[in-house]
Amino acid sequence: MTLKLILASASPRRKELLQQLEIRFQQKTVAIDETPYESELPKEYVTRMAHEKAEAAWAKWGKPDRLILSSDTTVVIDNKILGKPSGYDDFRTMMQSLSGRQHQVLTSVVVKSDTETKSVLSETHVYFCGLTDSDIDWYWHTGEPPDKAGGYGIQGLGARFVRRIDGSYTGVMGLPLFETAEILSNFGILTNNKE
């Protein structure tokens, strides 16, 4: 039986990344409550979100010949989750907290079939340069930050603030391809030839 893969995400970035693996899939959207629990740790939160997205997608489209792939990404500094900025003031506060410092980008990937669920967590350390007020104002007015976790996109204009990363570049974008390929190969969707 050939499994049909469903990407349970509305993200155009995740779609583009998954296409790089040269596998066939459908993209479908699920909506869940993404509010963190009180005192929930960032790693627990991002893992729970990816699992809840997979479960919600399975409830809608799950069949024995289907495979659900879901993912969630969060930006963390000082153990605090930075979501999408609610407006300019929130964005400015985020950028000031990231300025000249290291933060983490956590991406959880879940793959679910009718018999098993596998997951992996990618953690990348991102180092920002120091940001001036004019840097922050300029970036906001590009229109890029409002729909980005942590207020920036590494694959876009926000890359100019990133001095270096330790970890997965594609994980920061929203879907760590190495880990995703490995997990999909466990389900027979993708075979890695790494020797």
N, C-alpha and C. Protein backbone atom coordinates (compact mmCIF):
# COMPACT_ATOMS: atom_id res chain seq x y z
N MET A 1 0.85 -1.20 0.00
CA MET A 1 0.00 0.00 0.00
C MET A 1 0.88 1.24 0.00
N THR A 2 0.61 2.14 -0.92
CA THR A 2 1.33 3.40 -0.98
C THR A 2 0.63 4.42 -0.10
N LEU A 3 1.41 5.02 0.81
CA LEU A 3 0.83 6.01 1.71
C LEU A 3 0.78 7.38 1.05
N LYS A 4 -0.33 8.08 1.26
CA LYS A 4 -0.49 9.45 0.76
C LYS A 4 -0.17 10.40 1.91
N LEU A 5 0.72 11.33 1.64
CA LEU A 5 1.19 12.26 2.66
C LEU A 5 0.38 13.54 2.64
N ILE A 6 -0.06 13.96 3.82
CA ILE A 6 -0.75 15.24 3.99
C ILE A 6 0.08 16.14 4.90
N LEU A 7 0.41 17.33 4.41
CA LEU A 7 1.07 18.33 5.23
C LEU A 7 -0.01 19.15 5.90
N ALA A 8 -0.12 19.01 7.21
CA ALA A 8 -1.16 19.72 7.97
C ALA A 8 -0.62 21.07 8.42
N SER A 9 -0.56 22.00 7.47
CA SER A 9 -0.02 23.33 7.75
C SER A 9 -0.45 24.28 6.65
N ALA A 10 -0.73 25.51 7.03
CA ALA A 10 -1.06 26.54 6.03
C ALA A 10 0.19 27.27 5.56
N SER A 11 1.33 26.97 6.16
CA SER A 11 2.56 27.73 5.91
C SER A 11 3.11 27.52 4.50
N PRO A 12 3.26 28.60 3.74
CA PRO A 12 3.88 28.47 2.42
C PRO A 12 5.35 28.07 2.53
N ARG A 13 6.02 28.46 3.62
CA ARG A 13 7.42 28.09 3.82
C ARG A 13 7.57 26.58 4.02
N ARG A 14 6.68 26.00 4.83
CA ARG A 14 6.75 24.55 5.04
C ARG A 14 6.47 23.80 3.73
N LYS A 15 5.53 24.30 2.96
CA LYS A 15 5.23 23.68 1.67
C LYS A 15 6.46 23.69 0.77
N GLU A 16 7.11 24.86 0.67
CA GLU A 16 8.31 24.99 -0.17
C GLU A 16 9.42 24.06 0.31
N LEU A 17 9.60 23.98 1.62
CA LEU A 17 10.66 23.12 2.16
C LEU A 17 10.37 21.65 1.87
N LEU A 18 9.13 21.23 2.10
CA LEU A 18 8.79 19.82 1.86
C LEU A 18 8.94 19.47 0.39
N GLN A 19 8.67 20.41 -0.49
CA GLN A 19 8.86 20.17 -1.93
C GLN A 19 10.31 19.87 -2.27
N GLN A 20 11.24 20.38 -1.46
CA GLN A 20 12.66 20.12 -1.70
C GLN A 20 13.01 18.64 -1.52
N LEU A 21 12.19 17.89 -0.81
CA LEU A 21 12.43 16.46 -0.63
C LEU A 21 11.93 15.64 -1.81
N GLU A 22 11.30 16.32 -2.77
CA GLU A 22 10.82 15.69 -4.00
C GLU A 22 9.89 14.50 -3.72
N ILE A 23 8.92 14.75 -2.84
CA ILE A 23 7.89 13.75 -2.58
C ILE A 23 6.53 14.39 -2.84
N ARG A 24 5.57 13.55 -3.16
CA ARG A 24 4.22 14.06 -3.43
C ARG A 24 3.46 14.20 -2.11
N PHE A 25 2.71 15.29 -2.00
CA PHE A 25 1.90 15.50 -0.80
C PHE A 25 0.79 16.49 -1.12
N GLN A 26 -0.20 16.49 -0.25
CA GLN A 26 -1.26 17.50 -0.29
C GLN A 26 -1.09 18.41 0.92
N GLN A 27 -1.40 19.68 0.76
CA GLN A 27 -1.35 20.61 1.88
C GLN A 27 -2.77 20.92 2.32
N LYS A 28 -3.03 20.71 3.60
CA LYS A 28 -4.34 21.02 4.17
C LYS A 28 -4.14 21.78 5.48
N THR A 29 -5.14 22.55 5.84
CA THR A 29 -5.03 23.41 7.02
C THR A 29 -5.89 22.91 8.16
N VAL A 30 -5.33 22.93 9.36
CA VAL A 30 -6.11 22.64 10.57
C VAL A 30 -5.96 23.81 11.53
N ALA A 31 -7.00 24.06 12.28
CA ALA A 31 -6.97 25.14 13.27
C ALA A 31 -7.09 24.54 14.66
N ILE A 32 -6.16 24.93 15.54
CA ILE A 32 -6.21 24.51 16.94
C ILE A 32 -5.98 25.74 17.81
N ASP A 33 -6.27 25.60 19.09
CA ASP A 33 -5.99 26.65 20.05
C ASP A 33 -4.49 26.60 20.35
N GLU A 34 -3.78 27.67 20.04
CA GLU A 34 -2.33 27.68 20.22
C GLU A 34 -1.88 28.43 21.47
N THR A 35 -2.79 28.59 22.43
CA THR A 35 -2.45 29.28 23.67
C THR A 35 -1.60 28.40 24.55
N PRO A 36 -0.42 28.90 24.98
CA PRO A 36 0.39 28.09 25.90
C PRO A 36 -0.31 27.92 27.25
N TYR A 37 -0.09 26.75 27.86
CA TYR A 37 -0.59 26.54 29.21
C TYR A 37 0.24 27.39 30.18
N GLU A 38 -0.37 27.71 31.32
CA GLU A 38 0.36 28.45 32.34
C GLU A 38 1.54 27.61 32.81
N SER A 39 2.71 28.22 32.86
CA SER A 39 3.96 27.59 33.29
C SER A 39 4.44 26.48 32.35
N GLU A 40 3.88 26.39 31.14
CA GLU A 40 4.32 25.39 30.18
C GLU A 40 5.69 25.78 29.62
N LEU A 41 6.63 24.85 29.65
CA LEU A 41 7.96 25.11 29.12
C LEU A 41 7.93 25.15 27.59
N PRO A 42 8.80 25.94 26.97
CA PRO A 42 8.78 26.08 25.51
C PRO A 42 8.87 24.75 24.76
N LYS A 43 9.77 23.85 25.17
CA LYS A 43 9.90 22.56 24.47
C LYS A 43 8.62 21.74 24.59
N GLU A 44 8.00 21.78 25.75
CA GLU A 44 6.73 21.06 25.95
C GLU A 44 5.64 21.68 25.08
N TYR A 45 5.63 23.00 25.01
CA TYR A 45 4.61 23.71 24.24
C TYR A 45 4.70 23.37 22.75
N VAL A 46 5.89 23.51 22.16
CA VAL A 46 6.04 23.31 20.72
C VAL A 46 5.76 21.85 20.34
N THR A 47 6.14 20.94 21.22
CA THR A 47 5.87 19.51 20.98
C THR A 47 4.37 19.23 21.06
N ARG A 48 3.71 19.82 22.05
CA ARG A 48 2.26 19.63 22.19
C ARG A 48 1.52 20.20 20.98
N MET A 49 1.95 21.37 20.51
CA MET A 49 1.28 21.99 19.36
C MET A 49 1.38 21.10 18.12
N ALA A 50 2.56 20.57 17.84
CA ALA A 50 2.73 19.71 16.67
C ALA A 50 1.88 18.44 16.79
N HIS A 51 1.83 17.86 17.99
CA HIS A 51 1.00 16.66 18.21
C HIS A 51 -0.49 16.98 18.06
N GLU A 52 -0.92 18.12 18.60
CA GLU A 52 -2.34 18.48 18.50
C GLU A 52 -2.74 18.76 17.05
N LYS A 53 -1.85 19.37 16.29
CA LYS A 53 -2.13 19.59 14.86
C LYS A 53 -2.27 18.25 14.13
N ALA A 54 -1.37 17.30 14.45
CA ALA A 54 -1.43 15.98 13.82
C ALA A 54 -2.73 15.26 14.17
N GLU A 55 -3.13 15.34 15.44
CA GLU A 55 -4.37 14.68 15.88
C GLU A 55 -5.59 15.31 15.22
N ALA A 56 -5.60 16.65 15.14
CA ALA A 56 -6.73 17.34 14.51
C ALA A 56 -6.82 16.99 13.03
N ALA A 57 -5.67 16.90 12.36
CA ALA A 57 -5.66 16.53 10.94
C ALA A 57 -6.09 15.08 10.75
N TRP A 58 -5.65 14.20 11.66
CA TRP A 58 -6.02 12.79 11.55
C TRP A 58 -7.53 12.63 11.73
N ALA A 59 -8.10 13.40 12.65
CA ALA A 59 -9.55 13.33 12.89
C ALA A 59 -10.34 13.71 11.64
N LYS A 60 -9.77 14.60 10.81
CA LYS A 60 -10.45 15.05 9.58
C LYS A 60 -10.17 14.15 8.38
N TRP A 61 -8.91 13.75 8.20
CA TRP A 61 -8.52 13.09 6.95
C TRP A 61 -7.85 11.73 7.13
N GLY A 62 -7.76 11.25 8.36
CA GLY A 62 -7.03 10.01 8.61
C GLY A 62 -7.69 8.78 8.01
N LYS A 63 -6.89 7.98 7.31
CA LYS A 63 -7.31 6.71 6.73
C LYS A 63 -6.09 5.80 6.73
N PRO A 64 -6.28 4.49 6.59
CA PRO A 64 -5.13 3.58 6.61
C PRO A 64 -4.06 3.89 5.57
N ASP A 65 -4.45 4.52 4.45
CA ASP A 65 -3.46 4.83 3.41
C ASP A 65 -2.93 6.26 3.50
N ARG A 66 -3.16 6.92 4.63
CA ARG A 66 -2.74 8.31 4.80
C ARG A 66 -1.64 8.43 5.84
N LEU A 67 -0.86 9.46 5.67
CA LEU A 67 0.18 9.82 6.62
C LEU A 67 0.07 11.33 6.84
N ILE A 68 0.03 11.75 8.09
CA ILE A 68 -0.08 13.17 8.43
C ILE A 68 1.27 13.68 8.89
N LEU A 69 1.70 14.81 8.34
CA LEU A 69 2.91 15.49 8.78
C LEU A 69 2.51 16.85 9.32
N SER A 70 2.86 17.11 10.58
CA SER A 70 2.58 18.42 11.16
C SER A 70 3.85 18.96 11.80
N SER A 71 3.86 20.26 12.01
CA SER A 71 5.05 20.89 12.57
C SER A 71 4.65 22.17 13.29
N ASP A 72 5.44 22.53 14.28
CA ASP A 72 5.22 23.80 14.96
C ASP A 72 6.57 24.40 15.31
N THR A 73 6.67 25.71 15.20
CA THR A 73 7.93 26.42 15.46
C THR A 73 7.68 27.53 16.46
N THR A 74 8.62 27.66 17.39
CA THR A 74 8.52 28.77 18.32
C THR A 74 9.90 29.36 18.57
N VAL A 75 9.92 30.66 18.81
CA VAL A 75 11.15 31.39 19.13
C VAL A 75 11.18 31.61 20.63
N VAL A 76 12.34 31.36 21.24
CA VAL A 76 12.44 31.41 22.70
C VAL A 76 13.65 32.24 23.11
N ILE A 77 13.44 33.15 24.05
CA ILE A 77 14.56 33.86 24.67
C ILE A 77 14.29 33.97 26.16
N ASP A 78 15.32 33.70 26.95
CA ASP A 78 15.18 33.70 28.41
C ASP A 78 14.03 32.80 28.86
N ASN A 79 13.88 31.67 28.16
CA ASN A 79 12.83 30.68 28.44
C ASN A 79 11.42 31.22 28.24
N LYS A 80 11.30 32.31 27.48
CA LYS A 80 10.00 32.92 27.18
C LYS A 80 9.67 32.70 25.71
N ILE A 81 8.45 32.27 25.45
CA ILE A 81 7.99 32.03 24.08
C ILE A 81 7.62 33.37 23.42
N LEU A 82 8.20 33.60 22.23
CA LEU A 82 7.85 34.78 21.45
C LEU A 82 6.97 34.34 20.29
N GLY A 83 5.72 34.71 20.33
CA GLY A 83 4.80 34.37 19.25
C GLY A 83 4.89 35.40 18.13
N LYS A 84 3.83 35.50 17.36
CA LYS A 84 3.76 36.52 16.32
C LYS A 84 3.46 37.86 16.99
N PRO A 85 4.12 38.94 16.58
CA PRO A 85 3.86 40.23 17.24
C PRO A 85 2.42 40.69 17.05
N SER A 86 1.83 41.21 18.13
CA SER A 86 0.44 41.67 18.07
C SER A 86 0.32 43.06 17.45
N GLY A 87 1.44 43.73 17.31
CA GLY A 87 1.46 45.08 16.73
C GLY A 87 2.86 45.63 16.81
N TYR A 88 3.01 46.88 16.45
CA TYR A 88 4.35 47.48 16.40
C TYR A 88 5.03 47.47 17.76
N ASP A 89 4.33 47.87 18.81
CA ASP A 89 4.95 47.94 20.14
C ASP A 89 5.45 46.57 20.60
N ASP A 90 4.65 45.53 20.36
CA ASP A 90 5.05 44.17 20.71
C ASP A 90 6.27 43.75 19.90
N PHE A 91 6.26 44.05 18.61
CA PHE A 91 7.39 43.75 17.73
C PHE A 91 8.66 44.43 18.22
N ARG A 92 8.54 45.71 18.53
CA ARG A 92 9.71 46.48 19.00
C ARG A 92 10.30 45.87 20.26
N THR A 93 9.44 45.47 21.19
CA THR A 93 9.90 44.82 22.42
C THR A 93 10.63 43.52 22.11
N MET A 94 10.08 42.74 21.16
CA MET A 94 10.73 41.48 20.76
C MET A 94 12.12 41.75 20.19
N MET A 95 12.20 42.69 19.27
CA MET A 95 13.48 42.98 18.62
C MET A 95 14.52 43.50 19.62
N GLN A 96 14.06 44.30 20.57
CA GLN A 96 14.99 44.80 21.59
C GLN A 96 15.50 43.66 22.46
N SER A 97 14.64 42.66 22.71
CA SER A 97 15.08 41.53 23.53
C SER A 97 16.05 40.62 22.77
N LEU A 98 15.91 40.54 21.43
CA LEU A 98 16.78 39.70 20.60
C LEU A 98 18.09 40.38 20.24
N SER A 99 18.10 41.71 20.28
CA SER A 99 19.24 42.50 19.83
C SER A 99 20.55 42.11 20.53
N GLY A 100 21.57 41.75 19.72
CA GLY A 100 22.89 41.45 20.26
C GLY A 100 22.98 40.19 21.10
N ARG A 101 21.98 39.33 21.00
CA ARG A 101 21.93 38.16 21.87
C ARG A 101 21.66 36.87 21.09
N GLN A 102 21.80 35.78 21.81
CA GLN A 102 21.46 34.46 21.27
C GLN A 102 20.06 34.07 21.74
N HIS A 103 19.29 33.45 20.84
CA HIS A 103 18.01 32.89 21.23
C HIS A 103 17.87 31.52 20.59
N GLN A 104 16.81 30.81 20.93
CA GLN A 104 16.58 29.47 20.39
C GLN A 104 15.34 29.47 19.50
N VAL A 105 15.41 28.66 18.45
CA VAL A 105 14.24 28.38 17.63
C VAL A 105 13.98 26.88 17.74
N LEU A 106 12.82 26.55 18.25
CA LEU A 106 12.43 25.15 18.44
C LEU A 106 11.39 24.78 17.39
N THR A 107 11.62 23.67 16.69
CA THR A 107 10.64 23.17 15.73
C THR A 107 10.38 21.70 16.02
N SER A 108 9.13 21.38 16.28
CA SER A 108 8.72 20.00 16.50
C SER A 108 8.05 19.48 15.23
N VAL A 109 8.42 18.27 14.84
CA VAL A 109 7.83 17.61 13.67
C VAL A 109 7.17 16.31 14.13
N VAL A 110 5.93 16.10 13.69
CA VAL A 110 5.20 14.88 14.03
C VAL A 110 4.71 14.23 12.74
N VAL A 111 4.89 12.92 12.64
CA VAL A 111 4.33 12.15 11.53
C VAL A 111 3.46 11.06 12.13
N LYS A 112 2.20 10.99 11.66
CA LYS A 112 1.21 10.08 12.24
C LYS A 112 0.59 9.21 11.15
N SER A 113 0.54 7.91 11.42
CA SER A 113 -0.18 6.97 10.55
C SER A 113 -1.31 6.37 11.38
N ASP A 114 -2.00 5.38 10.81
CA ASP A 114 -3.08 4.76 11.57
C ASP A 114 -2.55 3.84 12.65
N THR A 115 -1.25 3.49 12.63
CA THR A 115 -0.71 2.56 13.61
C THR A 115 0.34 3.16 14.54
N GLU A 116 0.97 4.26 14.13
CA GLU A 116 2.01 4.83 15.00
C GLU A 116 2.21 6.31 14.76
N THR A 117 2.85 6.95 15.74
CA THR A 117 3.19 8.37 15.67
C THR A 117 4.65 8.52 16.05
N LYS A 118 5.38 9.26 15.22
CA LYS A 118 6.79 9.54 15.53
C LYS A 118 6.99 11.04 15.55
N SER A 119 7.90 11.49 16.41
CA SER A 119 8.15 12.92 16.49
C SER A 119 9.62 13.20 16.75
N VAL A 120 10.02 14.42 16.43
CA VAL A 120 11.39 14.86 16.66
C VAL A 120 11.36 16.35 16.98
N LEU A 121 12.31 16.79 17.77
CA LEU A 121 12.42 18.21 18.13
C LEU A 121 13.76 18.74 17.66
N SER A 122 13.73 19.79 16.86
CA SER A 122 14.95 20.45 16.38
C SER A 122 15.15 21.73 17.20
N GLU A 123 16.37 21.92 17.69
CA GLU A 123 16.70 23.14 18.45
C GLU A 123 17.87 23.83 17.78
N THR A 124 17.69 25.08 17.41
CA THR A 124 18.73 25.86 16.76
C THR A 124 19.00 27.13 17.56
N HIS A 125 20.28 27.43 17.75
CA HIS A 125 20.67 28.66 18.43
C HIS A 125 20.97 29.72 17.37
N VAL A 126 20.30 30.87 17.51
CA VAL A 126 20.42 31.96 16.54
C VAL A 126 21.04 33.16 17.24
N TYR A 127 22.05 33.74 16.61
CA TYR A 127 22.77 34.87 17.19
C TYR A 127 22.48 36.12 16.38
N PHE A 128 21.84 37.09 17.03
CA PHE A 128 21.49 38.36 16.38
C PHE A 128 22.61 39.39 16.59
N CYS A 129 22.76 40.27 15.63
CA CYS A 129 23.62 41.44 15.81
C CYS A 129 22.88 42.46 16.68
N GLY A 130 23.59 43.49 17.08
CA GLY A 130 22.92 44.57 17.79
C GLY A 130 22.02 45.36 16.85
N LEU A 131 20.83 45.71 17.30
CA LEU A 131 19.87 46.43 16.46
C LEU A 131 19.68 47.85 16.97
N THR A 132 19.70 48.80 16.04
CA THR A 132 19.40 50.18 16.39
C THR A 132 17.90 50.42 16.26
N ASP A 133 17.44 51.53 16.78
CA ASP A 133 16.02 51.88 16.64
C ASP A 133 15.64 51.99 15.16
N SER A 134 16.57 52.53 14.35
CA SER A 134 16.25 52.67 12.92
C SER A 134 16.19 51.31 12.23
N ASP A 135 17.02 50.34 12.66
CA ASP A 135 16.93 48.97 12.12
C ASP A 135 15.54 48.39 12.38
N ILE A 136 15.10 48.56 13.62
CA ILE A 136 13.81 47.99 14.04
C ILE A 136 12.66 48.65 13.27
N ASP A 137 12.70 49.98 13.18
CA ASP A 137 11.65 50.70 12.44
C ASP A 137 11.64 50.30 10.97
N TRP A 138 12.83 50.24 10.35
CA TRP A 138 12.93 49.86 8.94
C TRP A 138 12.32 48.47 8.72
N TYR A 139 12.69 47.52 9.58
CA TYR A 139 12.24 46.15 9.37
C TYR A 139 10.72 46.05 9.51
N TRP A 140 10.16 46.73 10.48
CA TRP A 140 8.71 46.70 10.65
C TRP A 140 8.02 47.20 9.38
N HIS A 141 8.53 48.26 8.80
CA HIS A 141 7.88 48.87 7.64
C HIS A 141 8.08 48.08 6.34
N THR A 142 8.89 47.03 6.38
CA THR A 142 8.99 46.15 5.21
C THR A 142 7.73 45.28 5.08
N GLY A 143 6.98 45.16 6.19
CA GLY A 143 5.77 44.32 6.17
C GLY A 143 6.03 42.86 6.45
N GLU A 144 7.27 42.48 6.65
CA GLU A 144 7.60 41.06 6.86
C GLU A 144 7.28 40.54 8.27
N PRO A 145 7.49 41.31 9.34
CA PRO A 145 7.41 40.75 10.69
C PRO A 145 6.05 40.28 11.21
N PRO A 146 4.91 40.87 10.84
CA PRO A 146 3.67 40.57 11.56
C PRO A 146 3.25 39.10 11.63
N ASP A 147 3.55 38.29 10.61
CA ASP A 147 3.08 36.90 10.65
C ASP A 147 4.20 35.92 10.98
N LYS A 148 5.30 36.43 11.59
CA LYS A 148 6.45 35.58 11.90
C LYS A 148 6.60 35.40 13.40
N ALA A 149 6.78 34.15 13.82
CA ALA A 149 7.09 33.88 15.22
C ALA A 149 8.40 34.58 15.57
N GLY A 150 8.41 35.29 16.69
CA GLY A 150 9.59 36.04 17.08
C GLY A 150 9.77 37.34 16.34
N GLY A 151 8.87 37.61 15.36
CA GLY A 151 8.89 38.88 14.65
C GLY A 151 9.86 38.97 13.49
N TYR A 152 10.50 37.83 13.11
CA TYR A 152 11.42 37.92 11.98
C TYR A 152 11.40 36.63 11.17
N GLY A 153 11.83 36.75 9.91
CA GLY A 153 11.96 35.58 9.04
C GLY A 153 13.40 35.46 8.57
N ILE A 154 14.05 34.35 8.90
CA ILE A 154 15.46 34.17 8.52
C ILE A 154 15.61 34.01 7.01
N GLN A 155 14.54 33.55 6.35
CA GLN A 155 14.60 33.34 4.91
C GLN A 155 14.31 34.61 4.13
N GLY A 156 14.02 35.69 4.84
CA GLY A 156 13.68 36.95 4.18
C GLY A 156 14.63 38.06 4.59
N LEU A 157 14.07 39.25 4.72
CA LEU A 157 14.88 40.42 5.05
C LEU A 157 15.47 40.36 6.45
N GLY A 158 14.84 39.58 7.33
CA GLY A 158 15.35 39.44 8.69
C GLY A 158 16.72 38.77 8.76
N ALA A 159 17.13 38.11 7.67
CA ALA A 159 18.43 37.44 7.64
C ALA A 159 19.58 38.42 7.86
N ARG A 160 19.37 39.68 7.53
CA ARG A 160 20.47 40.65 7.68
C ARG A 160 20.85 40.88 9.14
N PHE A 161 19.99 40.45 10.08
CA PHE A 161 20.29 40.63 11.51
C PHE A 161 20.95 39.39 12.13
N VAL A 162 21.02 38.29 11.39
CA VAL A 162 21.49 37.02 11.94
C VAL A 162 23.00 36.88 11.69
N ARG A 163 23.80 36.95 12.78
CA ARG A 163 25.26 36.82 12.66
C ARG A 163 25.64 35.39 12.34
N ARG A 164 25.01 34.43 13.02
CA ARG A 164 25.28 33.01 12.75
C ARG A 164 24.22 32.16 13.43
N ILE A 165 24.19 30.89 13.04
CA ILE A 165 23.30 29.94 13.70
C ILE A 165 24.09 28.67 14.02
N ASP A 166 23.68 27.99 15.07
CA ASP A 166 24.16 26.65 15.38
C ASP A 166 22.95 25.74 15.36
N GLY A 167 22.84 24.91 14.32
CA GLY A 167 21.70 24.02 14.21
C GLY A 167 21.15 24.00 12.80
N SER A 168 19.84 23.88 12.68
CA SER A 168 19.18 23.68 11.39
C SER A 168 18.61 24.98 10.84
N TYR A 169 19.15 25.40 9.69
CA TYR A 169 18.60 26.59 9.03
C TYR A 169 17.14 26.35 8.63
N THR A 170 16.85 25.17 8.06
CA THR A 170 15.47 24.89 7.64
C THR A 170 14.56 24.73 8.86
N GLY A 171 15.13 24.33 9.99
CA GLY A 171 14.35 24.27 11.23
C GLY A 171 13.89 25.65 11.66
N VAL A 172 14.76 26.65 11.49
CA VAL A 172 14.39 28.04 11.81
C VAL A 172 13.29 28.51 10.86
N MET A 173 13.33 28.04 9.62
CA MET A 173 12.30 28.40 8.64
C MET A 173 10.96 27.74 8.94
N GLY A 174 10.99 26.60 9.68
CA GLY A 174 9.72 25.97 10.04
C GLY A 174 9.62 24.48 9.80
N LEU A 175 10.64 23.88 9.12
CA LEU A 175 10.60 22.43 8.88
C LEU A 175 12.03 21.92 8.69
N PRO A 176 12.63 21.34 9.73
CA PRO A 176 14.01 20.86 9.62
C PRO A 176 14.07 19.66 8.66
N LEU A 177 14.69 19.85 7.50
CA LEU A 177 14.60 18.85 6.45
C LEU A 177 15.34 17.56 6.76
N PHE A 178 16.49 17.64 7.39
CA PHE A 178 17.22 16.42 7.73
C PHE A 178 16.36 15.53 8.62
N GLU A 179 15.84 16.10 9.70
CA GLU A 179 15.02 15.34 10.65
C GLU A 179 13.72 14.86 10.01
N THR A 180 13.12 15.71 9.17
CA THR A 180 11.87 15.34 8.50
C THR A 180 12.11 14.18 7.54
N ALA A 181 13.20 14.22 6.78
CA ALA A 181 13.53 13.13 5.86
C ALA A 181 13.74 11.82 6.62
N GLU A 182 14.43 11.90 7.76
CA GLU A 182 14.68 10.69 8.55
C GLU A 182 13.37 10.08 9.06
N ILE A 183 12.49 10.92 9.56
CA ILE A 183 11.24 10.42 10.11
C ILE A 183 10.36 9.82 9.01
N LEU A 184 10.32 10.48 7.84
CA LEU A 184 9.51 9.97 6.73
C LEU A 184 10.07 8.64 6.21
N SER A 185 11.40 8.49 6.26
CA SER A 185 11.99 7.23 5.79
C SER A 185 11.58 6.07 6.68
N ASN A 186 11.29 6.36 7.96
CA ASN A 186 10.80 5.31 8.88
C ASN A 186 9.43 4.79 8.45
N PHE A 187 8.69 5.61 7.71
CA PHE A 187 7.37 5.20 7.23
C PHE A 187 7.42 4.73 5.77
N GLY A 188 8.63 4.65 5.21
CA GLY A 188 8.79 4.17 3.84
C GLY A 188 8.47 5.21 2.78
N ILE A 189 8.29 6.47 3.19
CA ILE A 189 7.97 7.54 2.24
C ILE A 189 9.23 8.01 1.51
N LEU A 190 10.34 8.02 2.21
CA LEU A 190 11.57 8.58 1.67
C LEU A 190 12.72 7.72 2.12
N THR A 191 13.61 7.37 1.22
CA THR A 191 14.78 6.60 1.58
C THR A 191 16.00 7.49 1.46
N ASN A 192 16.73 7.62 2.56
CA ASN A 192 17.95 8.43 2.54
C ASN A 192 19.13 7.59 2.07
N ASN A 193 19.91 8.14 1.18
CA ASN A 193 21.14 7.47 0.76
C ASN A 193 22.30 8.30 1.29
N LYS A 194 22.65 8.06 2.56
CA LYS A 194 23.65 8.89 3.20
C LYS A 194 25.04 8.23 3.22
N GLU A 195 25.15 6.97 2.75
CA GLU A 195 26.45 6.31 2.82
C GLU A 195 27.40 6.92 1.81
